[in-house]
Amino acid sequence: MDEQRVWVVTGANRGLGAEFVRQLLLDKTNYVFATICSLPEDVAGPIYTLHRRCLAHQDDRLQLIHLDTSDEASIKAAAAKIHKLKPDGIDYVINNADATDAADAASSAL
C-alpha cells in the first residue's frame, strides 16, 4: 500500500470544503481532518452525511474536528487533537475557512 497522506481541510461543513473532502477520500491513501465550525446539532450538512457514510463502511480516514478560526483556544485545541491522532504531522492543508466576523461581513460593502 502507498504511504498515507494526511490532509487538513478547514471550512469543511459544506460547499467547497465538503467537496474537497469528498474528492480526497476517493484516494484510499488519503487521511483527512475536516475542520468544522458548526455544532453537532447540524447533523444534516454534507460533511456529516459523508462522515456517516465512512463510519458505515468502517472507514476511519475522515475525522471531524471542531475549529473556530477566530478563536485562539479553538485553534490550539484542534491542533492538539490532530497531533494526538497523527503525531508524525500533516502533509497538506486546504485553508477554506472564513475567519470573518458575521457582523463585520454584514456591514462590508461588496
PDB file of N, CA and C in Angstrom:
ATOM      1  N   MET A   1       0.843  -1.194   0.000  1.00  0.00           N
ATOM      2  CA  MET A   1       0.000   0.000   0.000  1.00  0.00           C
ATOM      3  C   MET A   1       0.878   1.242   0.000  1.00  0.00           C
ATOM      4  N   ASP A   2       0.438   2.257  -0.719  1.00  0.00           N
ATOM      5  CA  ASP A   2       1.176   3.516  -0.758  1.00  0.00           C
ATOM      6  C   ASP A   2       1.175   4.176   0.607  1.00  0.00           C
ATOM      7  N   GLU A   3       2.150   5.048   0.806  1.00  0.00           N
ATOM      8  CA  GLU A   3       2.240   5.780   2.070  1.00  0.00           C
ATOM      9  C   GLU A   3       1.038   6.719   2.221  1.00  0.00           C
ATOM     10  N   GLN A   4       0.503   6.750   3.420  1.00  0.00           N
ATOM     11  CA  GLN A   4      -0.658   7.587   3.693  1.00  0.00           C
ATOM     12  C   GLN A   4      -0.288   9.063   3.682  1.00  0.00           C
ATOM     13  N   ARG A   5      -1.148   9.868   3.086  1.00  0.00           N
ATOM     14  CA  ARG A   5      -1.002  11.328   3.094  1.00  0.00           C
ATOM     15  C   ARG A   5      -2.071  11.899   4.020  1.00  0.00           C
ATOM     16  N   VAL A   6      -1.657  12.815   4.879  1.00  0.00           N
ATOM     17  CA  VAL A   6      -2.565  13.392   5.864  1.00  0.00           C
ATOM     18  C   VAL A   6      -2.910  14.825   5.445  1.00  0.00           C
ATOM     19  N   TRP A   7      -4.188  15.085   5.330  1.00  0.00           N
ATOM     20  CA  TRP A   7      -4.716  16.374   4.904  1.00  0.00           C
ATOM     21  C   TRP A   7      -5.517  17.022   6.026  1.00  0.00           C
ATOM     22  N   VAL A   8      -5.495  18.352   6.059  1.00  0.00           N
ATOM     23  CA  VAL A   8      -6.418  19.134   6.885  1.00  0.00           C
ATOM     24  C   VAL A   8      -7.178  20.043   5.923  1.00  0.00           C
ATOM     25  N   VAL A   9      -8.496  19.964   5.979  1.00  0.00           N
ATOM     26  CA  VAL A   9      -9.344  20.837   5.165  1.00  0.00           C
ATOM     27  C   VAL A   9     -10.147  21.694   6.127  1.00  0.00           C
ATOM     28  N   THR A  10      -9.888  22.995   6.130  1.00  0.00           N
ATOM     29  CA  THR A  10     -10.651  23.888   7.002  1.00  0.00           C
ATOM     30  C   THR A  10     -11.929  24.325   6.284  1.00  0.00           C
ATOM     31  N   GLY A  11     -12.923  24.692   7.072  1.00  0.00           N
ATOM     32  CA  GLY A  11     -14.190  25.144   6.489  1.00  0.00           C
ATOM     33  C   GLY A  11     -14.887  24.044   5.715  1.00  0.00           C
ATOM     34  N   ALA A  12     -14.937  22.845   6.285  1.00  0.00           N
ATOM     35  CA  ALA A  12     -15.433  21.679   5.555  1.00  0.00           C
ATOM     36  C   ALA A  12     -16.905  21.370   5.802  1.00  0.00           C
ATOM     37  N   ASN A  13     -17.627  22.247   6.465  1.00  0.00           N
ATOM     38  CA  ASN A  13     -19.041  21.979   6.771  1.00  0.00           C
ATOM     39  C   ASN A  13     -19.868  21.685   5.523  1.00  0.00           C
ATOM     40  N   ARG A  14     -19.640  22.470   4.484  1.00  0.00           N
ATOM     41  CA  ARG A  14     -20.467  22.369   3.272  1.00  0.00           C
ATOM     42  C   ARG A  14     -19.714  23.016   2.115  1.00  0.00           C
ATOM     43  N   GLY A  15     -20.343  23.085   0.992  1.00  0.00           N
ATOM     44  CA  GLY A  15     -19.776  23.773  -0.161  1.00  0.00           C
ATOM     45  C   GLY A  15     -18.445  23.193  -0.615  1.00  0.00           C
ATOM     46  N   LEU A  16     -17.528  24.096  -0.978  1.00  0.00           N
ATOM     47  CA  LEU A  16     -16.224  23.659  -1.481  1.00  0.00           C
ATOM     48  C   LEU A  16     -15.464  22.813  -0.481  1.00  0.00           C
ATOM     49  N   GLY A  17     -15.512  23.173   0.789  1.00  0.00           N
ATOM     50  CA  GLY A  17     -14.790  22.407   1.802  1.00  0.00           C
ATOM     51  C   GLY A  17     -15.241  20.955   1.851  1.00  0.00           C
ATOM     52  N   ALA A  18     -16.554  20.740   1.873  1.00  0.00           N
ATOM     53  CA  ALA A  18     -17.086  19.374   1.892  1.00  0.00           C
ATOM     54  C   ALA A  18     -16.729  18.638   0.607  1.00  0.00           C
ATOM     55  N   GLU A  19     -16.744  19.341  -0.507  1.00  0.00           N
ATOM     56  CA  GLU A  19     -16.389  18.706  -1.785  1.00  0.00           C
ATOM     57  C   GLU A  19     -14.903  18.350  -1.838  1.00  0.00           C
ATOM     58  N   PHE A  20     -14.048  19.217  -1.317  1.00  0.00           N
ATOM     59  CA  PHE A  20     -12.617  18.867  -1.235  1.00  0.00           C
ATOM     60  C   PHE A  20     -12.448  17.558  -0.466  1.00  0.00           C
ATOM     61  N   VAL A  21     -13.128  17.444   0.663  1.00  0.00           N
ATOM     62  CA  VAL A  21     -13.031  16.240   1.495  1.00  0.00           C
ATOM     63  C   VAL A  21     -13.520  15.025   0.719  1.00  0.00           C
ATOM     64  N   ARG A  22     -14.667  15.149   0.070  1.00  0.00           N
ATOM     65  CA  ARG A  22     -15.223  14.032  -0.695  1.00  0.00           C
ATOM     66  C   ARG A  22     -14.236  13.557  -1.761  1.00  0.00           C
ATOM     67  N   GLN A  23     -13.662  14.506  -2.482  1.00  0.00           N
ATOM     68  CA  GLN A  23     -12.697  14.163  -3.538  1.00  0.00           C
ATOM     69  C   GLN A  23     -11.444  13.503  -2.965  1.00  0.00           C
ATOM     70  N   LEU A  24     -10.949  14.031  -1.850  1.00  0.00           N
ATOM     71  CA  LEU A  24      -9.742  13.461  -1.236  1.00  0.00           C
ATOM     72  C   LEU A  24      -9.962  12.020  -0.795  1.00  0.00           C
ATOM     73  N   LEU A  25     -11.154  11.719  -0.307  1.00  0.00           N
ATOM     74  CA  LEU A  25     -11.429  10.369   0.191  1.00  0.00           C
ATOM     75  C   LEU A  25     -11.564   9.336  -0.920  1.00  0.00           C
ATOM     76  N   LEU A  26     -11.648   9.789  -2.162  1.00  0.00           N
ATOM     77  CA  LEU A  26     -11.678   8.846  -3.280  1.00  0.00           C
ATOM     78  C   LEU A  26     -10.355   8.092  -3.393  1.00  0.00           C
ATOM     79  N   ASP A  27      -9.278   8.714  -2.931  1.00  0.00           N
ATOM     80  CA  ASP A  27      -7.955   8.081  -2.930  1.00  0.00           C
ATOM     81  C   ASP A  27      -7.753   7.429  -1.566  1.00  0.00           C
ATOM     82  N   LYS A  28      -7.643   6.127  -1.540  1.00  0.00           N
ATOM     83  CA  LYS A  28      -7.550   5.371  -0.277  1.00  0.00           C
ATOM     84  C   LYS A  28      -6.283   5.669   0.513  1.00  0.00           C
ATOM     85  N   THR A  29      -5.320   6.367  -0.082  1.00  0.00           N
ATOM     86  CA  THR A  29      -4.097   6.698   0.664  1.00  0.00           C
ATOM     87  C   THR A  29      -4.246   8.006   1.441  1.00  0.00           C
ATOM     88  N   ASN A  30      -5.361   8.700   1.282  1.00  0.00           N
ATOM     89  CA  ASN A  30      -5.569   9.963   1.982  1.00  0.00           C
ATOM     90  C   ASN A  30      -6.294   9.767   3.303  1.00  0.00           C
ATOM     91  N   TYR A  31      -5.814  10.471   4.326  1.00  0.00           N
ATOM     92  CA  TYR A  31      -6.449  10.546   5.641  1.00  0.00           C
ATOM     93  C   TYR A  31      -6.789  12.017   5.825  1.00  0.00           C
ATOM     94  N   VAL A  32      -8.041  12.333   6.160  1.00  0.00           N
ATOM     95  CA  VAL A  32      -8.493  13.720   6.142  1.00  0.00           C
ATOM     96  C   VAL A  32      -9.044  14.156   7.498  1.00  0.00           C
ATOM     97  N   PHE A  33      -8.514  15.283   7.982  1.00  0.00           N
ATOM     98  CA  PHE A  33      -9.106  16.000   9.102  1.00  0.00           C
ATOM     99  C   PHE A  33      -9.947  17.115   8.487  1.00  0.00           C
ATOM    100  N   ALA A  34     -11.252  17.054   8.685  1.00  0.00           N
ATOM    101  CA  ALA A  34     -12.157  18.077   8.176  1.00  0.00           C
ATOM    102  C   ALA A  34     -12.539  18.970   9.340  1.00  0.00           C
ATOM    103  N   THR A  35     -12.132  20.229   9.278  1.00  0.00           N
ATOM    104  CA  THR A  35     -12.484  21.121  10.381  1.00  0.00           C
ATOM    105  C   THR A  35     -13.837  21.754  10.100  1.00  0.00           C
ATOM    106  N   ILE A  36     -14.634  21.796  11.157  1.00  0.00           N
ATOM    107  CA  ILE A  36     -16.000  22.300  11.061  1.00  0.00           C
ATOM    108  C   ILE A  36     -16.224  23.334  12.154  1.00  0.00           C
ATOM    109  N   CYS A  37     -17.066  24.304  11.858  1.00  0.00           N
ATOM    110  CA  CYS A  37     -17.337  25.335  12.868  1.00  0.00           C
ATOM    111  C   CYS A  37     -18.712  25.174  13.484  1.00  0.00           C
ATOM    112  N   SER A  38     -19.594  24.415  12.843  1.00  0.00           N
ATOM    113  CA  SER A  38     -20.944  24.271  13.395  1.00  0.00           C
ATOM    114  C   SER A  38     -20.972  23.259  14.524  1.00  0.00           C
ATOM    115  N   LEU A  39     -21.971  23.369  15.327  1.00  0.00           N
ATOM    116  CA  LEU A  39     -22.141  22.456  16.446  1.00  0.00           C
ATOM    117  C   LEU A  39     -22.695  21.127  15.956  1.00  0.00           C
ATOM    118  N   PRO A  40     -22.528  20.060  16.750  1.00  0.00           N
ATOM    119  CA  PRO A  40     -23.001  18.743  16.333  1.00  0.00           C
ATOM    120  C   PRO A  40     -24.493  18.654  16.027  1.00  0.00           C
ATOM    121  N   GLU A  41     -25.289  19.613  16.474  1.00  0.00           N
ATOM    122  CA  GLU A  41     -26.720  19.576  16.170  1.00  0.00           C
ATOM    123  C   GLU A  41     -26.983  19.710  14.676  1.00  0.00           C
ATOM    124  N   ASP A  42     -26.027  20.266  13.937  1.00  0.00           N
ATOM    125  CA  ASP A  42     -26.189  20.460  12.494  1.00  0.00           C
ATOM    126  C   ASP A  42     -25.806  19.173  11.763  1.00  0.00           C
ATOM    127  N   VAL A  43     -26.533  18.092  12.061  1.00  0.00           N
ATOM    128  CA  VAL A  43     -26.155  16.782  11.515  1.00  0.00           C
ATOM    129  C   VAL A  43     -26.698  16.541  10.109  1.00  0.00           C
ATOM    130  N   ALA A  44     -27.363  17.517   9.537  1.00  0.00           N
ATOM    131  CA  ALA A  44     -27.916  17.334   8.202  1.00  0.00           C
ATOM    132  C   ALA A  44     -26.962  17.813   7.112  1.00  0.00           C
ATOM    133  N   GLY A  45     -25.869  18.480   7.476  1.00  0.00           N
ATOM    134  CA  GLY A  45     -24.952  19.025   6.485  1.00  0.00           C
ATOM    135  C   GLY A  45     -24.203  17.966   5.711  1.00  0.00           C
ATOM    136  N   PRO A  46     -23.661  18.334   4.539  1.00  0.00           N
ATOM    137  CA  PRO A  46     -22.959  17.388   3.675  1.00  0.00           C
ATOM    138  C   PRO A  46     -21.791  16.671   4.348  1.00  0.00           C
ATOM    139  N   ILE A  47     -21.035  17.358   5.180  1.00  0.00           N
ATOM    140  CA  ILE A  47     -19.865  16.714   5.785  1.00  0.00           C
ATOM    141  C   ILE A  47     -20.294  15.631   6.764  1.00  0.00           C
ATOM    142  N   TYR A  48     -21.417  15.827   7.449  1.00  0.00           N
ATOM    143  CA  TYR A  48     -21.908  14.816   8.383  1.00  0.00           C
ATOM    144  C   TYR A  48     -22.428  13.590   7.633  1.00  0.00           C
ATOM    145  N   THR A  49     -23.063  13.825   6.496  1.00  0.00           N
ATOM    146  CA  THR A  49     -23.517  12.716   5.657  1.00  0.00           C
ATOM    147  C   THR A  49     -22.317  11.895   5.189  1.00  0.00           C
ATOM    148  N   LEU A  50     -21.279  12.567   4.749  1.00  0.00           N
ATOM    149  CA  LEU A  50     -20.064  11.893   4.318  1.00  0.00           C
ATOM    150  C   LEU A  50     -19.414  11.127   5.472  1.00  0.00           C
ATOM    151  N   HIS A  51     -19.382  11.733   6.645  1.00  0.00           N
ATOM    152  CA  HIS A  51     -18.797  11.084   7.825  1.00  0.00           C
ATOM    153  C   HIS A  51     -19.584   9.827   8.192  1.00  0.00           C
ATOM    154  N   ARG A  52     -20.912   9.910   8.188  1.00  0.00           N
ATOM    155  CA  ARG A  52     -21.736   8.735   8.489  1.00  0.00           C
ATOM    156  C   ARG A  52     -21.494   7.627   7.470  1.00  0.00           C
ATOM    157  N   ARG A  53     -21.333   8.005   6.202  1.00  0.00           N
ATOM    158  CA  ARG A  53     -21.071   7.013   5.160  1.00  0.00           C
ATOM    159  C   ARG A  53     -19.735   6.314   5.416  1.00  0.00           C
ATOM    160  N   CYS A  54     -18.722   7.071   5.796  1.00  0.00           N
ATOM    161  CA  CYS A  54     -17.417   6.474   6.119  1.00  0.00           C
ATOM    162  C   CYS A  54     -17.544   5.506   7.287  1.00  0.00           C
ATOM    163  N   LEU A  55     -18.238   5.927   8.331  1.00  0.00           N
ATOM    164  CA  LEU A  55     -18.407   5.068   9.504  1.00  0.00           C
ATOM    165  C   LEU A  55     -19.159   3.791   9.153  1.00  0.00           C
ATOM    166  N   ALA A  56     -20.162   3.901   8.296  1.00  0.00           N
ATOM    167  CA  ALA A  56     -20.945   2.729   7.897  1.00  0.00           C
ATOM    168  C   ALA A  56     -20.078   1.705   7.160  1.00  0.00           C
ATOM    169  N   HIS A  57     -19.039   2.180   6.488  1.00  0.00           N
ATOM    170  CA  HIS A  57     -18.139   1.289   5.751  1.00  0.00           C
ATOM    171  C   HIS A  57     -16.862   0.986   6.546  1.00  0.00           C
ATOM    172  N   GLN A  58     -16.887   1.286   7.831  1.00  0.00           N
ATOM    173  CA  GLN A  58     -15.732   1.080   8.717  1.00  0.00           C
ATOM    174  C   GLN A  58     -14.465   1.733   8.145  1.00  0.00           C
ATOM    175  N   ASP A  59     -14.649   2.913   7.604  1.00  0.00           N
ATOM    176  CA  ASP A  59     -13.551   3.694   7.021  1.00  0.00           C
ATOM    177  C   ASP A  59     -13.234   4.820   7.997  1.00  0.00           C
ATOM    178  N   ASP A  60     -12.067   4.741   8.631  1.00  0.00           N
ATOM    179  CA  ASP A  60     -11.717   5.744   9.645  1.00  0.00           C
ATOM    180  C   ASP A  60     -10.805   6.845   9.104  1.00  0.00           C
ATOM    181  N   ARG A  61     -10.795   7.042   7.795  1.00  0.00           N
ATOM    182  CA  ARG A  61      -9.891   8.035   7.198  1.00  0.00           C
ATOM    183  C   ARG A  61     -10.422   9.459   7.259  1.00  0.00           C
ATOM    184  N   LEU A  62     -11.597   9.663   7.832  1.00  0.00           N
ATOM    185  CA  LEU A  62     -12.160  11.003   7.969  1.00  0.00           C
ATOM    186  C   LEU A  62     -12.415  11.287   9.441  1.00  0.00           C
ATOM    187  N   GLN A  63     -11.802  12.358   9.930  1.00  0.00           N
ATOM    188  CA  GLN A  63     -12.014  12.816  11.305  1.00  0.00           C
ATOM    189  C   GLN A  63     -12.577  14.231  11.256  1.00  0.00           C
ATOM    190  N   LEU A  64     -13.665  14.452  11.981  1.00  0.00           N
ATOM    191  CA  LEU A  64     -14.231  15.797  12.088  1.00  0.00           C
ATOM    192  C   LEU A  64     -13.635  16.471  13.317  1.00  0.00           C
ATOM    193  N   ILE A  65     -13.150  17.682  13.131  1.00  0.00           N
ATOM    194  CA  ILE A  65     -12.512  18.447  14.200  1.00  0.00           C
ATOM    195  C   ILE A  65     -13.201  19.811  14.290  1.00  0.00           C
ATOM    196  N   HIS A  66     -13.688  20.166  15.483  1.00  0.00           N
ATOM    197  CA  HIS A  66     -14.282  21.496  15.649  1.00  0.00           C
ATOM    198  C   HIS A  66     -13.172  22.548  15.609  1.00  0.00           C
ATOM    199  N   LEU A  67     -13.386  23.611  14.827  1.00  0.00           N
ATOM    200  CA  LEU A  67     -12.407  24.692  14.728  1.00  0.00           C
ATOM    201  C   LEU A  67     -13.107  26.011  14.436  1.00  0.00           C
ATOM    202  N   ASP A  68     -12.875  26.971  15.304  1.00  0.00           N
ATOM    203  CA  ASP A  68     -13.304  28.349  15.075  1.00  0.00           C
ATOM    204  C   ASP A  68     -12.026  29.133  14.809  1.00  0.00           C
ATOM    205  N   THR A  69     -11.802  29.511  13.551  1.00  0.00           N
ATOM    206  CA  THR A  69     -10.535  30.147  13.174  1.00  0.00           C
ATOM    207  C   THR A  69     -10.354  31.534  13.766  1.00  0.00           C
ATOM    208  N   SER A  70     -11.393  32.078  14.386  1.00  0.00           N
ATOM    209  CA  SER A  70     -11.260  33.386  15.019  1.00  0.00           C
ATOM    210  C   SER A  70     -10.972  33.275  16.513  1.00  0.00           C
ATOM    211  N   ASP A  71     -10.818  32.048  17.004  1.00  0.00           N
ATOM    212  CA  ASP A  71     -10.624  31.811  18.433  1.00  0.00           C
ATOM    213  C   ASP A  71      -9.322  31.038  18.659  1.00  0.00           C
ATOM    214  N   GLU A  72      -8.346  31.681  19.292  1.00  0.00           N
ATOM    215  CA  GLU A  72      -7.038  31.065  19.503  1.00  0.00           C
ATOM    216  C   GLU A  72      -7.127  29.756  20.297  1.00  0.00           C
ATOM    217  N   ALA A  73      -7.990  29.709  21.300  1.00  0.00           N
ATOM    218  CA  ALA A  73      -8.132  28.484  22.089  1.00  0.00           C
ATOM    219  C   ALA A  73      -8.661  27.336  21.221  1.00  0.00           C
ATOM    220  N   SER A  74      -9.576  27.644  20.327  1.00  0.00           N
ATOM    221  CA  SER A  74     -10.123  26.636  19.426  1.00  0.00           C
ATOM    222  C   SER A  74      -9.045  26.125  18.467  1.00  0.00           C
ATOM    223  N   ILE A  75      -8.218  27.023  17.988  1.00  0.00           N
ATOM    224  CA  ILE A  75      -7.122  26.648  17.083  1.00  0.00           C
ATOM    225  C   ILE A  75      -6.153  25.714  17.800  1.00  0.00           C
ATOM    226  N   LYS A  76      -5.795  26.067  19.040  1.00  0.00           N
ATOM    227  CA  LYS A  76      -4.871  25.231  19.808  1.00  0.00           C
ATOM    228  C   LYS A  76      -5.477  23.863  20.114  1.00  0.00           C
ATOM    229  N   ALA A  77      -6.759  23.824  20.436  1.00  0.00           N
ATOM    230  CA  ALA A  77      -7.423  22.548  20.734  1.00  0.00           C
ATOM    231  C   ALA A  77      -7.473  21.659  19.496  1.00  0.00           C
ATOM    232  N   ALA A  78      -7.769  22.252  18.350  1.00  0.00           N
ATOM    233  CA  ALA A  78      -7.803  21.476  17.100  1.00  0.00           C
ATOM    234  C   ALA A  78      -6.415  20.934  16.766  1.00  0.00           C
ATOM    235  N   ALA A  79      -5.397  21.771  16.913  1.00  0.00           N
ATOM    236  CA  ALA A  79      -4.023  21.335  16.636  1.00  0.00           C
ATOM    237  C   ALA A  79      -3.615  20.198  17.565  1.00  0.00           C
ATOM    238  N   ALA A  80      -3.992  20.291  18.833  1.00  0.00           N
ATOM    239  CA  ALA A  80      -3.650  19.240  19.796  1.00  0.00           C
ATOM    240  C   ALA A  80      -4.334  17.921  19.440  1.00  0.00           C
ATOM    241  N   LYS A  81      -5.592  17.990  19.027  1.00  0.00           N
ATOM    242  CA  LYS A  81      -6.315  16.767  18.659  1.00  0.00           C
ATOM    243  C   LYS A  81      -5.691  16.136  17.412  1.00  0.00           C
ATOM    244  N   ILE A  82      -5.357  16.960  16.440  1.00  0.00           N
ATOM    245  CA  ILE A  82      -4.719  16.445  15.224  1.00  0.00           C
ATOM    246  C   ILE A  82      -3.380  15.805  15.566  1.00  0.00           C
ATOM    247  N   HIS A  83      -2.592  16.473  16.393  1.00  0.00           N
ATOM    248  CA  HIS A  83      -1.288  15.932  16.779  1.00  0.00           C
ATOM    249  C   HIS A  83      -1.433  14.616  17.542  1.00  0.00           C
ATOM    250  N   LYS A  84      -2.445  14.515  18.377  1.00  0.00           N
ATOM    251  CA  LYS A  84      -2.662  13.282  19.142  1.00  0.00           C
ATOM    252  C   LYS A  84      -2.978  12.115  18.205  1.00  0.00           C
ATOM    253  N   LEU A  85      -3.801  12.375  17.174  1.00  0.00           N
ATOM    254  CA  LEU A  85      -4.189  11.317  16.251  1.00  0.00           C
ATOM    255  C   LEU A  85      -3.119  11.016  15.201  1.00  0.00           C
ATOM    256  N   LYS A  86      -2.358  12.027  14.813  1.00  0.00           N
ATOM    257  CA  LYS A  86      -1.309  11.858  13.797  1.00  0.00           C
ATOM    258  C   LYS A  86      -0.038  12.574  14.270  1.00  0.00           C
ATOM    259  N   PRO A  87       0.681  11.984  15.239  1.00  0.00           N
ATOM    260  CA  PRO A  87       1.856  12.655  15.821  1.00  0.00           C
ATOM    261  C   PRO A  87       3.002  12.898  14.837  1.00  0.00           C
ATOM    262  N   ASP A  88       3.007  12.207  13.709  1.00  0.00           N
ATOM    263  CA  ASP A  88       4.058  12.437  12.711  1.00  0.00           C
ATOM    264  C   ASP A  88       3.780  13.659  11.847  1.00  0.00           C
ATOM    265  N   GLY A  89       2.645  14.294  12.067  1.00  0.00           N
ATOM    266  CA  GLY A  89       2.345  15.540  11.367  1.00  0.00           C
ATOM    267  C   GLY A  89       1.395  15.376  10.198  1.00  0.00           C
ATOM    268  N   ILE A  90       1.155  16.487   9.545  1.00  0.00           N
ATOM    269  CA  ILE A  90       0.268  16.524   8.388  1.00  0.00           C
ATOM    270  C   ILE A  90       1.108  16.813   7.150  1.00  0.00           C
ATOM    271  N   ASP A  91       0.542  16.484   6.002  1.00  0.00           N
ATOM    272  CA  ASP A  91       1.247  16.706   4.739  1.00  0.00           C
ATOM    273  C   ASP A  91       0.723  17.918   3.980  1.00  0.00           C
ATOM    274  N   TYR A  92      -0.591  18.122   4.022  1.00  0.00           N
ATOM    275  CA  TYR A  92      -1.201  19.189   3.224  1.00  0.00           C
ATOM    276  C   TYR A  92      -2.311  19.883   4.009  1.00  0.00           C
ATOM    277  N   VAL A  93      -2.511  21.173   3.688  1.00  0.00           N
ATOM    278  CA  VAL A  93      -3.617  21.944   4.261  1.00  0.00           C
ATOM    279  C   VAL A  93      -4.348  22.638   3.117  1.00  0.00           C
ATOM    280  N   ILE A  94      -5.661  22.505   3.120  1.00  0.00           N
ATOM    281  CA  ILE A  94      -6.506  23.311   2.238  1.00  0.00           C
ATOM    282  C   ILE A  94      -7.238  24.266   3.161  1.00  0.00           C
ATOM    283  N   ASN A  95      -6.846  25.536   3.123  1.00  0.00           N
ATOM    284  CA  ASN A  95      -7.407  26.536   4.027  1.00  0.00           C
ATOM    285  C   ASN A  95      -8.620  27.189   3.370  1.00  0.00           C
ATOM    286  N   ASN A  96      -9.770  26.623   3.639  1.00  0.00           N
ATOM    287  CA  ASN A  96     -11.015  27.069   3.047  1.00  0.00           C
ATOM    288  C   ASN A  96     -11.893  27.814   4.049  1.00  0.00           C
ATOM    289  N   ALA A  97     -11.445  27.934   5.295  1.00  0.00           N
ATOM    290  CA  ALA A  97     -12.261  28.556   6.346  1.00  0.00           C
ATOM    291  C   ALA A  97     -12.314  30.063   6.185  1.00  0.00           C
ATOM    292  N   ASP A  98     -13.407  30.626   6.652  1.00  0.00           N
ATOM    293  CA  ASP A  98     -13.608  32.069   6.645  1.00  0.00           C
ATOM    294  C   ASP A  98     -13.560  32.557   8.081  1.00  0.00           C
ATOM    295  N   ALA A  99     -12.608  33.418   8.387  1.00  0.00           N
ATOM    296  CA  ALA A  99     -12.464  33.925   9.759  1.00  0.00           C
ATOM    297  C   ALA A  99     -13.116  35.272   9.926  1.00  0.00           C
ATOM    298  N   THR A 100     -14.009  35.628   9.033  1.00  0.00           N
ATOM    299  CA  THR A 100     -14.692  36.916   9.092  1.00  0.00           C
ATOM    300  C   THR A 100     -15.782  36.899  10.145  1.00  0.00           C
ATOM    301  N   ASP A 101     -15.812  37.909  10.960  1.00  0.00           N
ATOM    302  CA  ASP A 101     -16.882  38.081  11.932  1.00  0.00           C
ATOM    303  C   ASP A 101     -18.164  38.372  11.146  1.00  0.00           C
ATOM    304  N   ALA A 102     -19.252  37.690  11.448  1.00  0.00           N
ATOM    305  CA  ALA A 102     -20.505  37.853  10.721  1.00  0.00           C
ATOM    306  C   ALA A 102     -20.989  39.301  10.740  1.00  0.00           C
ATOM    307  N   ALA A 103     -20.821  39.988  11.860  1.00  0.00           N
ATOM    308  CA  ALA A 103     -21.256  41.399  11.946  1.00  0.00           C
ATOM    309  C   ALA A 103     -20.424  42.272  11.015  1.00  0.00           C
ATOM    310  N   ASP A 104     -19.107  42.008  10.950  1.00  0.00           N
ATOM    311  CA  ASP A 104     -18.242  42.762  10.046  1.00  0.00           C
ATOM    312  C   ASP A 104     -18.606  42.481   8.598  1.00  0.00           C
ATOM    313  N   ALA A 105     -18.899  41.226   8.280  1.00  0.00           N
ATOM    314  CA  ALA A 105     -19.226  40.848   6.914  1.00  0.00           C
ATOM    315  C   ALA A 105     -20.517  41.518   6.460  1.00  0.00           C
ATOM    316  N   ALA A 106     -21.502  41.595   7.364  1.00  0.00           N
ATOM    317  CA  ALA A 106     -22.779  42.193   7.021  1.00  0.00           C
ATOM    318  C   ALA A 106     -22.655  43.684   6.749  1.00  0.00           C
ATOM    319  N   SER A 107     -21.704  44.339   7.403  1.00  0.00           N
ATOM    320  CA  SER A 107     -21.566  45.783   7.229  1.00  0.00           C
ATOM    321  C   SER A 107     -20.571  46.160   6.132  1.00  0.00           C
ATOM    322  N   SER A 108     -19.896  45.172   5.549  1.00  0.00           N
ATOM    323  CA  SER A 108     -18.912  45.452   4.498  1.00  0.00           C
ATOM    324  C   SER A 108     -19.603  45.648   3.154  1.00  0.00           C
ATOM    325  N   ALA A 109     -19.097  46.589   2.382  1.00  0.00           N
ATOM    326  CA  ALA A 109     -19.603  46.795   1.034  1.00  0.00           C
ATOM    327  C   ALA A 109     -18.924  45.814   0.086  1.00  0.00           C
ATOM    328  N   LEU A 110     -19.684  45.286  -0.840  1.00  0.00           N
ATOM    329  CA  LEU A 110     -19.123  44.343  -1.816  1.00  0.00           C
ATOM    330  C   LEU A 110     -18.567  45.057  -2.997  1.00  0.00           C
TER     331      LEU A 110
END
